[in-house]
């Protein structure tokens, strides 16, 4: 084939499918028309000269040579140049239908419903033999064993796939036991995924009474079912993650709620106990018994104060009385008489204080400490006293 002059320089027109840009810079794709297809590769040196980005659905003319890839035994086109011949027929049909259904409001965000947080039963419409169903079963089983899965076996590509998928949506809606529906399949070319662009299927998805997650192909693949569904997942595994909660995360969340609730209840109880204690103390202070005890304590304090003040005043009065008694005793005439002195008075009781008051032949009365005596003055003498001699 390498020595064939015709195959060494060819120009092939077709539609790009399965286009993949490798990390090395090479571009791998399929060139097809309504009846046939051929694999193609464009190495990095040639790909770097492209003036546009190659994508699925584009109509192009590929220039290059045809040779055999010995490892797989397949012949393919080795492209040296690619020109854009416009949008491919499938892509044009996709865009026409997308704009039509969007204009009818089938893709509006306002009509989309929330996905249930804790679904009891999930209906899955997909092929029972593909990797997609195994991935979804594994993910849901690992994350949330409480969910029951109802698998609706369906074709996912080929002529009968759109009708089979649509019947799955209608069946699960009629059954009415599911809380959520997942419809999807694994990755593939635009032709492989074309069933999910079927107008009747898209309308059935939009009209579903049960929320639907669409999980078709890989993250970069978008079908019209993705736009009509209530939620779009980039892969079937991601759809399963969106459909069910993570039990371990829920347990951690519940543990956090439990700790928070314990702290809240404990704090509330302590606050109520403090309020009750304060109320009891206020009641105790306001009760008649408490008031009586307070008045009794005050009366007792007043009594003690009065007793103390009285005792203090009595002690002062006693001391004052003792002083006065001492002074009175010192001035008591009897005390003077007791020391050997006497008091002399006239018959009418007037005391005689000087010798000059004595009259001869007058009677006088002499008072001693133990009695009195009457006497008659016979003579007087000045200056001759117990204190000294001074006669007159």
Protein backbone atom coordinates (compact mmCIF):
# COMPACT_ATOMS: atom_id res chain seq x y z
CA UNK A 1 0.00 0.00 0.00
CA UNK A 2 2.89 2.33 0.75
CA UNK A 3 4.18 1.83 -2.83
CA UNK A 4 0.80 2.61 -4.40
CA UNK A 5 0.94 6.06 -6.02
CA UNK A 6 -2.82 6.61 -5.75
CA UNK A 7 -2.94 5.82 -2.00
CA UNK A 8 0.06 8.01 -1.26
CA UNK A 9 -1.89 11.18 -2.11
CA UNK A 10 -5.62 11.18 -1.45
CA UNK A 11 -8.35 13.71 -0.63
CA UNK A 12 -11.32 12.28 1.29
CA UNK A 13 -14.43 14.24 2.23
CA UNK A 14 -16.58 13.26 5.20
CA UNK A 15 -17.81 14.12 8.69
CA UNK A 16 -15.54 14.09 11.75
CA UNK A 17 -16.47 11.71 14.54
CA UNK A 18 -14.68 10.39 17.63
CA UNK A 19 -12.23 13.29 17.49
CA UNK A 20 -9.60 13.12 20.26
CA UNK A 21 -6.61 15.39 20.89
CA UNK A 22 -3.83 13.31 22.46
CA UNK A 23 -1.46 14.74 25.09
CA UNK A 24 1.36 14.35 22.55
CA UNK A 25 -0.39 16.78 20.21
CA UNK A 26 -1.55 14.13 17.73
CA UNK A 27 -5.21 14.15 16.64
CA UNK A 28 -7.09 10.88 16.24
CA UNK A 29 -10.50 10.88 14.55
CA UNK A 30 -12.91 9.00 12.31
CA UNK A 31 -14.02 10.25 8.90
CA UNK A 32 -17.46 9.01 7.85
CA UNK A 33 -20.45 9.49 5.58
CA UNK A 34 -23.88 7.88 5.48
CA UNK A 35 -22.53 4.47 4.43
CA UNK A 36 -18.94 4.05 5.62
CA UNK A 37 -16.13 5.32 7.83
CA UNK A 38 -12.34 5.23 8.04
CA UNK A 39 -9.94 5.94 10.89
CA UNK A 40 -7.52 8.84 10.59
CA UNK A 41 -4.60 10.32 12.44
CA UNK A 42 -2.92 13.70 12.13
CA UNK A 43 0.48 13.93 13.77
CA UNK A 44 1.54 16.91 15.83
CA UNK A 45 3.70 18.52 13.15
CA UNK A 46 0.75 18.69 10.74
CA UNK A 47 -1.84 19.44 13.46
CA UNK A 48 0.08 22.52 14.59
CA UNK A 49 -0.59 24.08 11.14
CA UNK A 50 -4.41 23.82 11.43
CA UNK A 51 -6.23 27.17 11.27
CA UNK A 52 -9.30 25.88 13.13
CA UNK A 53 -10.15 23.48 15.95
CA UNK A 54 -11.40 20.13 14.75
CA UNK A 55 -14.55 18.86 16.47
CA UNK A 56 -17.17 16.18 16.04
CA UNK A 57 -19.82 16.81 13.40
CA UNK A 58 -17.67 19.02 11.18
CA UNK A 59 -17.65 18.42 7.42
CA UNK A 60 -14.03 18.38 6.26
CA UNK A 61 -11.77 17.32 3.43
CA UNK A 62 -8.74 15.37 4.59
CA UNK A 63 -5.52 15.31 2.51
CA UNK A 64 -2.88 12.66 3.09
CA UNK A 65 -1.99 9.05 2.45
CA UNK A 66 -3.51 5.66 3.21
CA UNK A 67 -1.38 3.06 4.97
CA UNK A 68 -1.62 0.16 7.42
CA UNK A 69 -1.24 0.47 11.19
CA UNK A 70 0.49 -2.87 11.62
CA UNK A 71 -0.16 -3.22 15.35
CA UNK A 72 -3.94 -3.48 14.84
CA UNK A 73 -3.89 -4.56 11.24
CA UNK A 74 -6.14 -1.66 10.22
CA UNK A 75 -5.66 0.73 7.37
CA UNK A 76 -6.18 4.42 8.02
CA UNK A 77 -5.59 7.87 6.62
CA UNK A 78 -2.44 9.71 7.69
CA UNK A 79 -3.58 13.33 7.33
CA UNK A 80 -1.18 16.06 6.35
CA UNK A 81 -3.82 18.79 5.91
CA UNK A 82 -7.53 19.31 6.67
CA UNK A 83 -9.93 21.92 5.27
CA UNK A 84 -13.29 22.81 6.79
CA UNK A 85 -16.24 22.06 4.48
CA UNK A 86 -18.90 23.32 6.94
CA UNK A 87 -20.98 21.75 9.68
CA UNK A 88 -21.84 18.07 9.30
CA UNK A 89 -25.36 16.81 8.79
CA UNK A 90 -25.68 15.27 12.29
CA UNK A 91 -24.44 18.41 13.98
CA UNK A 92 -26.77 20.57 11.89
CA UNK A 93 -29.73 18.37 12.88
CA UNK A 94 -28.61 18.55 16.51
CA UNK A 95 -28.52 22.36 16.45
CA UNK A 96 -31.87 22.61 14.64
CA UNK A 97 -33.64 20.42 17.17
CA UNK A 98 -31.90 22.09 20.13
CA UNK A 99 -33.05 25.55 19.05
CA UNK A 100 -36.58 24.29 18.39
CA UNK A 101 -37.00 22.63 21.79
CA UNK A 102 -35.32 25.51 23.61
CA UNK A 103 -37.79 27.92 22.03
CA UNK A 104 -40.62 25.77 23.40
CA UNK A 105 -39.18 26.12 26.93
CA UNK A 106 -38.24 22.47 27.40
CA UNK A 107 -34.77 23.44 28.62
CA UNK A 108 -35.80 26.30 30.94
CA UNK A 109 -34.20 26.19 34.38
CA UNK A 110 -37.46 27.34 35.98
CA UNK A 111 -39.20 24.05 35.15
CA UNK A 112 -36.42 21.86 36.56
CA UNK A 113 -37.14 20.19 39.91
CA UNK A 114 -34.70 19.58 42.78
CA UNK A 115 -33.18 16.13 43.17
CA UNK A 116 -34.44 14.36 46.35
CA UNK A 117 -31.78 14.28 49.04
CA UNK A 118 -32.65 10.84 50.42
CA UNK A 119 -34.25 8.74 47.64
CA UNK A 120 -35.73 5.43 48.76
CA UNK A 121 -35.91 3.98 45.25
CA UNK A 122 -33.99 4.94 42.11
CA UNK A 123 -34.93 3.82 38.58
CA UNK A 124 -31.99 3.42 36.17
CA UNK A 125 -32.60 3.28 32.39
CA UNK A 126 -29.54 1.93 30.63
CA UNK A 127 -27.96 -1.16 29.10
CA UNK A 128 -27.74 -4.01 31.64
CA UNK A 129 -24.41 -5.20 30.22
CA UNK A 130 -22.40 -2.00 29.94
CA UNK A 131 -19.79 -0.55 32.32
CA UNK A 132 -22.13 2.32 33.15
CA UNK A 133 -24.62 0.19 35.11
CA UNK A 134 -21.79 -1.50 37.07
CA UNK A 135 -20.34 1.89 37.98
CA UNK A 136 -23.71 3.21 39.17
CA UNK A 137 -24.44 0.09 41.25
CA UNK A 138 -20.98 0.24 42.85
CA UNK A 139 -21.21 3.96 43.67
CA UNK A 140 -24.72 3.84 45.13
CA UNK A 141 -23.89 0.69 47.12
CA UNK A 142 -20.78 2.29 48.57
CA UNK A 143 -22.38 5.62 49.40
CA UNK A 144 -25.97 4.83 50.38
CA UNK A 145 -27.09 1.21 50.85
CA UNK A 146 -30.55 2.34 51.94
CA UNK A 147 -31.51 3.16 48.35
CA UNK A 148 -33.24 0.45 46.30
CA UNK A 149 -32.33 0.27 42.59
CA UNK A 150 -34.83 -0.63 39.85
CA UNK A 151 -33.00 -1.38 36.61
CA UNK A 152 -34.93 -0.90 33.35
CA UNK A 153 -33.05 -2.77 30.61
CA UNK A 154 -32.85 -0.64 27.49
CA UNK A 155 -31.02 -0.28 24.21
CA UNK A 156 -28.66 2.70 24.29
CA UNK A 157 -27.58 2.92 20.64
CA UNK A 158 -28.85 1.87 17.28
CA UNK A 159 -32.15 2.24 15.48
CA UNK A 160 -34.36 0.92 18.30
CA UNK A 161 -32.60 2.78 21.10
CA UNK A 162 -34.69 6.01 21.16
CA UNK A 163 -37.98 4.09 21.43
CA UNK A 164 -36.56 1.72 24.06
CA UNK A 165 -35.29 4.61 26.18
CA UNK A 166 -38.58 6.50 25.85
CA UNK A 167 -40.54 3.43 26.95
CA UNK A 168 -38.28 3.18 30.01
CA UNK A 169 -39.15 6.75 31.05
CA UNK A 170 -42.86 6.11 30.55
CA UNK A 171 -42.75 2.77 32.39
CA UNK A 172 -41.05 4.16 35.50
CA UNK A 173 -43.46 7.10 35.58
CA UNK A 174 -46.43 4.72 35.32
CA UNK A 175 -44.97 2.47 38.03
CA UNK A 176 -44.69 5.49 40.34
CA UNK A 177 -42.55 3.78 43.00
CA UNK A 178 -39.30 5.60 42.20
CA UNK A 179 -38.25 8.90 43.74
CA UNK A 180 -35.62 9.52 41.06
CA UNK A 181 -34.68 8.32 37.55
CA UNK A 182 -31.19 8.11 36.01
CA UNK A 183 -30.99 7.72 32.22
CA UNK A 184 -27.67 7.32 30.46
CA UNK A 185 -24.80 5.28 29.10
CA UNK A 186 -21.01 5.35 28.81
CA UNK A 187 -19.00 7.35 26.31
CA UNK A 188 -18.89 6.95 22.54
CA UNK A 189 -18.97 8.79 19.25
CA UNK A 190 -21.69 11.26 18.32
CA UNK A 191 -23.37 8.43 16.40
CA UNK A 192 -23.26 6.15 19.46
CA UNK A 193 -24.91 8.83 21.61
CA UNK A 194 -27.38 9.99 18.94
CA UNK A 195 -30.33 8.11 20.46
CA UNK A 196 -30.29 10.60 23.36
CA UNK A 197 -30.95 13.42 20.88
CA UNK A 198 -34.21 11.88 19.71
CA UNK A 199 -37.05 14.41 19.85
CA UNK A 200 -39.66 12.01 21.27
CA UNK A 201 -37.27 10.86 23.99
CA UNK A 202 -36.29 14.43 24.89
CA UNK A 203 -39.97 15.40 25.21
CA UNK A 204 -40.63 12.32 27.41
CA UNK A 205 -37.73 13.32 29.70
CA UNK A 206 -39.04 16.89 29.97
CA UNK A 207 -42.58 15.64 30.71
CA UNK A 208 -41.52 13.14 33.39
CA UNK A 209 -43.35 13.46 36.71
CA UNK A 210 -40.28 12.04 38.47
CA UNK A 211 -37.01 14.05 38.60
CA UNK A 212 -34.46 12.78 36.07
CA UNK A 213 -30.66 12.87 36.04
CA UNK A 214 -29.16 12.55 32.55
CA UNK A 215 -25.73 10.87 32.45
CA UNK A 216 -24.71 10.36 28.82
CA UNK A 217 -21.13 9.79 27.68
CA UNK A 218 -18.13 11.65 29.03
CA UNK A 219 -17.82 15.09 30.56
CA UNK A 220 -17.41 16.80 27.17
CA UNK A 221 -20.43 15.06 25.61
CA UNK A 222 -23.71 17.00 25.60
CA UNK A 223 -26.99 15.54 24.34
CA UNK A 224 -30.45 17.07 24.21
CA UNK A 225 -31.52 14.77 27.06
CA UNK A 226 -28.94 16.57 29.22
CA UNK A 227 -30.70 19.89 28.61
CA UNK A 228 -34.21 18.49 29.22
CA UNK A 229 -33.37 16.57 32.39
CA UNK A 230 -33.65 18.12 35.83
CA UNK A 231 -29.93 17.56 36.39
CA UNK A 232 -27.04 16.75 34.07
CA UNK A 233 -24.17 14.55 35.27
CA UNK A 234 -20.88 14.41 33.33
CA UNK A 235 -20.64 10.61 33.70
CA UNK A 236 -22.80 7.73 34.98
CA UNK A 237 -20.61 7.46 38.10
CA UNK A 238 -21.10 11.16 38.77
CA UNK A 239 -24.88 10.66 38.34
CA UNK A 240 -24.85 8.03 41.08
CA UNK A 241 -22.95 10.41 43.36
CA UNK A 242 -25.48 13.17 42.67
CA UNK A 243 -28.38 10.78 43.27
CA UNK A 244 -27.50 9.57 46.77
CA UNK A 245 -25.82 11.10 49.82
CA UNK A 246 -22.61 9.76 51.34
CA UNK A 247 -23.52 7.72 54.44
CA UNK A 248 -20.16 8.39 56.09
CA UNK A 249 -20.53 12.12 55.58
CA UNK A 250 -24.08 11.90 56.95
CA UNK A 251 -22.86 10.06 60.05
CA UNK A 252 -20.17 12.68 60.61
CA UNK A 253 -22.76 15.42 60.12
CA UNK A 254 -25.15 13.73 62.56
CA UNK A 255 -22.34 13.33 65.08
CA UNK A 256 -21.63 17.03 64.78
CA UNK A 257 -25.32 17.83 65.20
CA UNK A 258 -25.45 15.51 68.24
CA UNK A 259 -22.47 17.24 69.88
CA UNK A 260 -23.94 20.64 69.10
CA UNK A 261 -27.33 19.57 70.47
CA UNK A 262 -25.71 18.23 73.65
CA UNK A 263 -23.87 21.51 74.16
CA UNK A 264 -27.03 23.52 73.47
CA UNK A 265 -29.16 21.43 75.84
CA UNK A 266 -26.47 21.50 78.55
CA UNK A 267 -26.12 25.26 78.22
CA UNK A 268 -29.90 25.67 78.28
CA UNK A 269 -30.23 23.50 81.40
CA UNK A 270 -27.48 25.43 83.20
CA UNK A 271 -29.14 28.72 82.27
CA UNK A 272 -32.54 27.48 83.50
CA UNK A 273 -31.02 26.17 86.75
CA UNK A 274 -29.35 29.56 87.29
CA UNK A 275 -32.67 31.31 86.63
CA UNK A 276 -34.48 28.95 89.03
CA UNK A 277 -31.86 29.56 91.75
CA UNK A 278 -32.18 33.31 91.28
CA UNK A 279 -35.99 33.03 91.41
CA UNK A 280 -35.87 30.92 94.58
CA UNK A 281 -33.58 33.43 96.24
CA UNK A 282 -35.88 36.26 95.22
CA UNK A 283 -38.89 34.31 96.56
CA UNK A 284 -37.05 33.63 99.79
CA UNK A 285 -36.21 37.31 100.16
CA UNK A 286 -39.82 38.29 99.39
CA UNK A 287 -41.53 35.68 101.61
CA UNK A 288 -43.25 36.77 104.92
CA UNK A 289 -40.96 34.45 106.84
CA UNK A 290 -37.88 36.06 105.28
CA UNK A 291 -39.23 39.54 106.00
CA UNK A 292 -40.04 38.51 109.61
CA UNK A 293 -36.57 37.05 110.03
CA UNK A 294 -35.05 40.23 108.63
CA UNK A 295 -37.11 42.38 111.03
CA UNK A 296 -36.26 40.00 113.89
CA UNK A 297 -32.57 40.31 113.07
CA UNK A 298 -32.91 44.09 112.92
CA UNK A 299 -34.80 44.14 116.24
CA UNK A 300 -32.16 41.95 117.85
CA UNK A 301 -29.45 44.27 116.57
CA UNK A 302 -31.34 47.30 117.93
CA UNK A 303 -31.81 45.55 121.31
CA UNK A 304 -28.11 44.75 121.52
CA UNK A 305 -27.30 48.36 120.62
CA UNK A 306 -29.71 49.73 123.26
CA UNK A 307 -28.32 47.37 125.92
CA UNK A 308 -24.78 48.38 125.08
CA UNK A 309 -25.62 52.09 125.09
CA UNK A 310 -27.54 51.73 128.40
CA UNK A 311 -24.70 49.84 130.04
CA UNK A 312 -22.26 52.47 128.81
CA UNK A 313 -24.44 55.27 130.21
CA UNK A 314 -24.95 53.41 133.50
CA UNK A 315 -21.22 52.90 133.86
CA UNK A 316 -20.70 56.63 133.26
CA UNK A 317 -23.46 57.52 135.74
CA UNK A 318 -21.94 55.19 138.35
CA UNK A 319 -18.56 56.79 137.94
CA UNK A 320 -20.13 60.26 138.18
CA UNK A 321 -22.14 59.23 141.25
CA UNK A 322 -19.07 57.81 142.93
CA UNK A 323 -17.24 61.08 142.36
CA UNK A 324 -20.17 63.10 143.66
CA UNK A 325 -20.49 60.83 146.71
CA UNK A 326 -16.81 61.28 147.45
CA UNK A 327 -17.19 65.03 147.20
CA UNK A 328 -20.35 64.93 149.36
CA UNK A 329 -18.64 62.77 151.94
CA UNK A 330 -15.79 65.24 152.09
CA UNK A 331 -18.26 68.07 152.72
CA UNK A 332 -20.44 66.15 155.24
CA UNK A 333 -20.36 67.94 158.64
CA UNK A 334 -20.68 64.61 160.37
CA UNK A 335 -17.45 63.61 158.80
CA UNK A 336 -15.85 66.66 160.32
CA UNK A 337 -17.42 65.87 163.68
CA UNK A 338 -16.14 62.31 163.40
CA UNK A 339 -12.61 63.68 163.42
CA UNK A 340 -13.19 65.25 166.87
CA UNK A 341 -14.73 68.51 165.86
CA UNK A 342 -18.15 69.76 166.93
CA UNK A 343 -20.77 72.26 165.83
CA UNK A 344 -22.10 75.08 168.13
CA UNK A 345 -25.47 76.65 167.58
CA UNK A 346 -27.77 79.06 169.36
CA UNK A 347 -30.92 77.89 170.96
CA UNK A 348 -32.82 78.70 167.76
CA UNK A 349 -30.43 76.49 165.70
CA UNK A 350 -28.23 79.14 164.07
CA UNK A 351 -24.65 77.99 163.81
CA UNK A 352 -21.99 80.05 165.49
CA UNK A 353 -18.93 80.44 163.29
CA UNK A 354 -16.87 83.04 165.13
CA UNK A 355 -16.05 83.79 168.78
CA UNK A 356 -17.43 87.24 168.25
CA UNK A 357 -20.91 85.71 167.87
CA UNK A 358 -20.77 84.31 171.42
CA UNK A 359 -22.50 86.28 174.13
CA UNK A 360 -21.90 85.88 177.81
CA UNK A 361 -24.67 84.18 179.81
CA UNK A 362 -26.28 82.87 176.55
CA UNK A 363 -27.21 79.29 176.26
CA UNK A 364 -25.78 77.34 173.37
CA UNK A 365 -26.10 73.81 172.01
CA UNK A 366 -23.01 71.74 171.19
CA UNK A 367 -23.33 69.03 168.55
CA UNK A 368 -20.88 66.11 168.49
CA UNK A 369 -20.82 63.12 166.17
CA UNK A 370 -22.60 60.92 168.66
CA UNK A 371 -24.93 63.45 170.27
CA UNK A 372 -25.41 67.01 171.61
CA UNK A 373 -25.12 68.93 174.87
CA UNK A 374 -26.50 72.20 176.25
CA UNK A 375 -24.05 74.75 177.67
CA UNK A 376 -23.97 78.29 179.18
CA UNK A 377 -21.35 80.81 178.06
CA UNK A 378 -19.66 82.24 181.05
CA UNK A 379 -16.77 84.01 179.26
CA UNK A 380 -15.07 84.42 175.86
CA UNK A 381 -11.42 84.71 174.91
CA UNK A 382 -10.01 85.79 171.55
CA UNK A 383 -7.07 84.08 169.87
CA UNK A 384 -6.74 81.11 172.13
CA UNK A 385 -7.63 78.27 169.79
CA UNK A 386 -6.35 74.83 168.77
CA UNK A 387 -4.62 76.43 165.84
CA UNK A 388 -2.73 79.02 167.84
CA UNK A 389 -2.71 81.39 170.94
CA UNK A 390 -3.78 84.97 170.30
CA UNK A 391 -5.66 86.33 173.37
CA UNK A 392 -7.81 89.39 173.26
